[in-house]
C-alpha atoms as a PDB file:
ATOM      1  CA  MET A   1       0.087  -0.145  -0.021  1.00  0.00           C
ATOM      2  CA  PRO A   2       1.194   3.647  -0.624  1.00  0.00           C
ATOM      3  CA  LEU A   3       1.862   6.019   1.995  1.00  0.00           C
ATOM      4  CA  CYS A   4      -0.344   9.037   2.559  1.00  0.00           C
ATOM      5  CA  PRO A   5       1.078  12.157   1.122  1.00  0.00           C
ATOM      6  CA  VAL A   6       0.083  14.209   3.533  1.00  0.00           C
ATOM      7  CA  CYS A   7       1.561  12.723   6.689  1.00  0.00           C
ATOM      8  CA  GLY A   8       2.906   9.389   6.031  1.00  0.00           C
ATOM      9  CA  SER A   9       0.991   7.048   7.631  1.00  0.00           C
ATOM     10  CA  ARG A  10      -0.184   3.785   5.802  1.00  0.00           C
ATOM     11  CA  THR A  11      -3.372   3.943   3.544  1.00  0.00           C
ATOM     12  CA  ASN A  12      -6.642   1.864   2.860  1.00  0.00           C
ATOM     13  CA  ARG A  13      -7.959   1.723  -0.757  1.00  0.00           C
ATOM     14  CA  VAL A  14     -11.401   2.552  -1.349  1.00  0.00           C
ATOM     15  CA  HIS A  15     -14.190   2.295  -3.717  1.00  0.00           C
ATOM     16  CA  ARG A  16     -13.817   4.833  -6.707  1.00  0.00           C
ATOM     17  CA  ARG A  17     -16.482   7.498  -7.541  1.00  0.00           C
ATOM     18  CA  THR A  18     -17.641   7.377 -11.107  1.00  0.00           C
ATOM     19  CA  ARG A  19     -15.820   9.573 -12.149  1.00  0.00           C
ATOM     20  CA  ASP A  20     -12.648   8.700 -10.514  1.00  0.00           C
ATOM     21  CA  ARG A  21     -13.389   6.028 -13.065  1.00  0.00           C
ATOM     22  CA  LEU A  22     -13.764   8.001 -16.051  1.00  0.00           C
ATOM     23  CA  ARG A  23      -9.874  10.088 -15.115  1.00  0.00           C
ATOM     24  CA  SER A  24      -8.666   6.318 -14.474  1.00  0.00           C
ATOM     25  CA  ILE A  25      -9.006   5.555 -18.444  1.00  0.00           C
ATOM     26  CA  VAL A  26      -6.961   8.446 -19.380  1.00  0.00           C
ATOM     27  CA  ASN A  27      -4.159   8.066 -16.117  1.00  0.00           C
ATOM     28  CA  PRO A  28      -4.965   5.098 -14.082  1.00  0.00           C
ATOM     29  CA  ALA A  29      -5.525   5.201 -10.629  1.00  0.00           C
ATOM     30  CA  ASN A  30      -7.061   4.468  -7.530  1.00  0.00           C
ATOM     31  CA  ARG A  31      -8.681   5.184  -4.611  1.00  0.00           C
ATOM     32  CA  TYR A  32      -7.252   5.652  -0.996  1.00  0.00           C
ATOM     33  CA  ARG A  33      -7.994   6.755   2.163  1.00  0.00           C
ATOM     34  CA  CYS A  34      -5.509   7.641   5.144  1.00  0.00           C
ATOM     35  CA  SER A  35      -5.383   5.122   7.839  1.00  0.00           C
ATOM     36  CA  SER A  36      -4.396   7.830  10.719  1.00  0.00           C
ATOM     37  CA  GLU A  37      -7.141   8.893  12.476  1.00  0.00           C
ATOM     38  CA  TYR A  38      -5.692  12.259  12.769  1.00  0.00           C
ATOM     39  CA  CYS A  39      -5.472  12.890   8.912  1.00  0.00           C
ATOM     40  CA  ALA A  40      -8.479  12.818   6.831  1.00  0.00           C
ATOM     41  CA  TRP A  41      -6.525  12.879   3.660  1.00  0.00           C
ATOM     42  CA  GLU A  42      -8.423  10.739   0.713  1.00  0.00           C
ATOM     43  CA  GLY A  43      -7.705  10.664  -3.311  1.00  0.00           C
ATOM     44  CA  ASN A  44      -6.461   9.075  -6.368  1.00  0.00           C
ATOM     45  CA  LEU A  45      -2.870   7.678  -6.597  1.00  0.00           C
ATOM     46  CA  LYS A  46      -1.283   6.839  -9.208  1.00  0.00           C
ATOM     47  CA  SER A  47      -1.904   2.938  -9.722  1.00  0.00           C
ATOM     48  CA  GLY A  48       1.654   2.122 -11.821  1.00  0.00           C
ATOM     49  CA  LYS A  49      -0.226   0.297 -15.075  1.00  0.00           C
ATOM     50  CA  PRO A  50       1.637   1.928 -18.028  1.00  0.00           C
ATOM     51  CA  LEU A  51      -1.259   3.821 -20.124  1.00  0.00           C
ATOM     52  CA  ILE A  52      -0.162   1.705 -23.203  1.00  0.00           C
ATOM     53  CA  ASN A  53      -1.003  -1.823 -21.357  1.00  0.00           C
ATOM     54  CA  LEU A  54      -4.493  -0.452 -20.883  1.00  0.00           C
ATOM     55  CA  ILE A  55      -4.614   0.243 -25.104  1.00  0.00           C
ATOM     56  CA  ILE A  56      -3.258  -3.040 -25.654  1.00  0.00           C
ATOM     57  CA  LYS A  57      -5.802  -4.698 -23.381  1.00  0.00           C
ATOM     58  CA  TRP A  58      -8.810  -2.933 -25.367  1.00  0.00           C
ATOM     59  CA  VAL A  59      -7.451  -3.972 -28.292  1.00  0.00           C
ATOM     60  CA  VAL A  60      -7.383  -7.395 -27.693  1.00  0.00           C
ATOM     61  CA  PHE A  61     -10.772  -7.293 -26.600  1.00  0.00           C
ATOM     62  CA  VAL A  62     -12.047  -5.523 -29.385  1.00  0.00           C
ATOM     63  CA  ILE A  63     -10.599  -7.830 -31.837  1.00  0.00           C
ATOM     64  CA  ALA A  64     -11.546 -10.771 -29.739  1.00  0.00           C
ATOM     65  CA  ALA A  65     -15.581  -9.828 -29.594  1.00  0.00           C
ATOM     66  CA  ALA A  66     -14.717  -8.614 -33.315  1.00  0.00           C
ATOM     67  CA  ILE A  67     -13.496 -12.320 -34.185  1.00  0.00           C
ATOM     68  CA  ILE A  68     -16.580 -14.310 -31.177  1.00  0.00           C
ATOM     69  CA  GLY A  69     -19.149 -12.100 -33.186  1.00  0.00           C
ATOM     70  CA  LYS A  70     -18.699 -13.166 -36.731  1.00  0.00           C
ATOM     71  CA  ILE A  71     -18.453 -17.053 -35.381  1.00  0.00           C
ATOM     72  CA  ILE A  72     -21.436 -16.420 -33.871  1.00  0.00           C
ATOM     73  CA  VAL A  73     -23.444 -14.590 -36.431  1.00  0.00           C
ATOM     74  CA  ARG A  74     -22.074 -17.320 -39.114  1.00  0.00           C
END
C-alpha cells in the first residue's frame, strides 16, 4: 500500500467514484484513504499501470469480440 502524501501513514484502498473511474481511463489511478485517525486525507494515487498496457488490453478485447461476433453470426 502507498503511504499518505500528507502525513506518511499507511493508506487503505477504497471504492472509486464514477468520475474517478472516468479519469482512470486516461490516467490509471486508485482511490485511497489515510488510516491515521488524525489525518482526513482521501484521494487518488497513480496505480503504476502504464497507459499502453490498458490500450493493448482494449485492442485485444475489441478484436476478440469482433471475431466471436462473426463466428456467432455465421
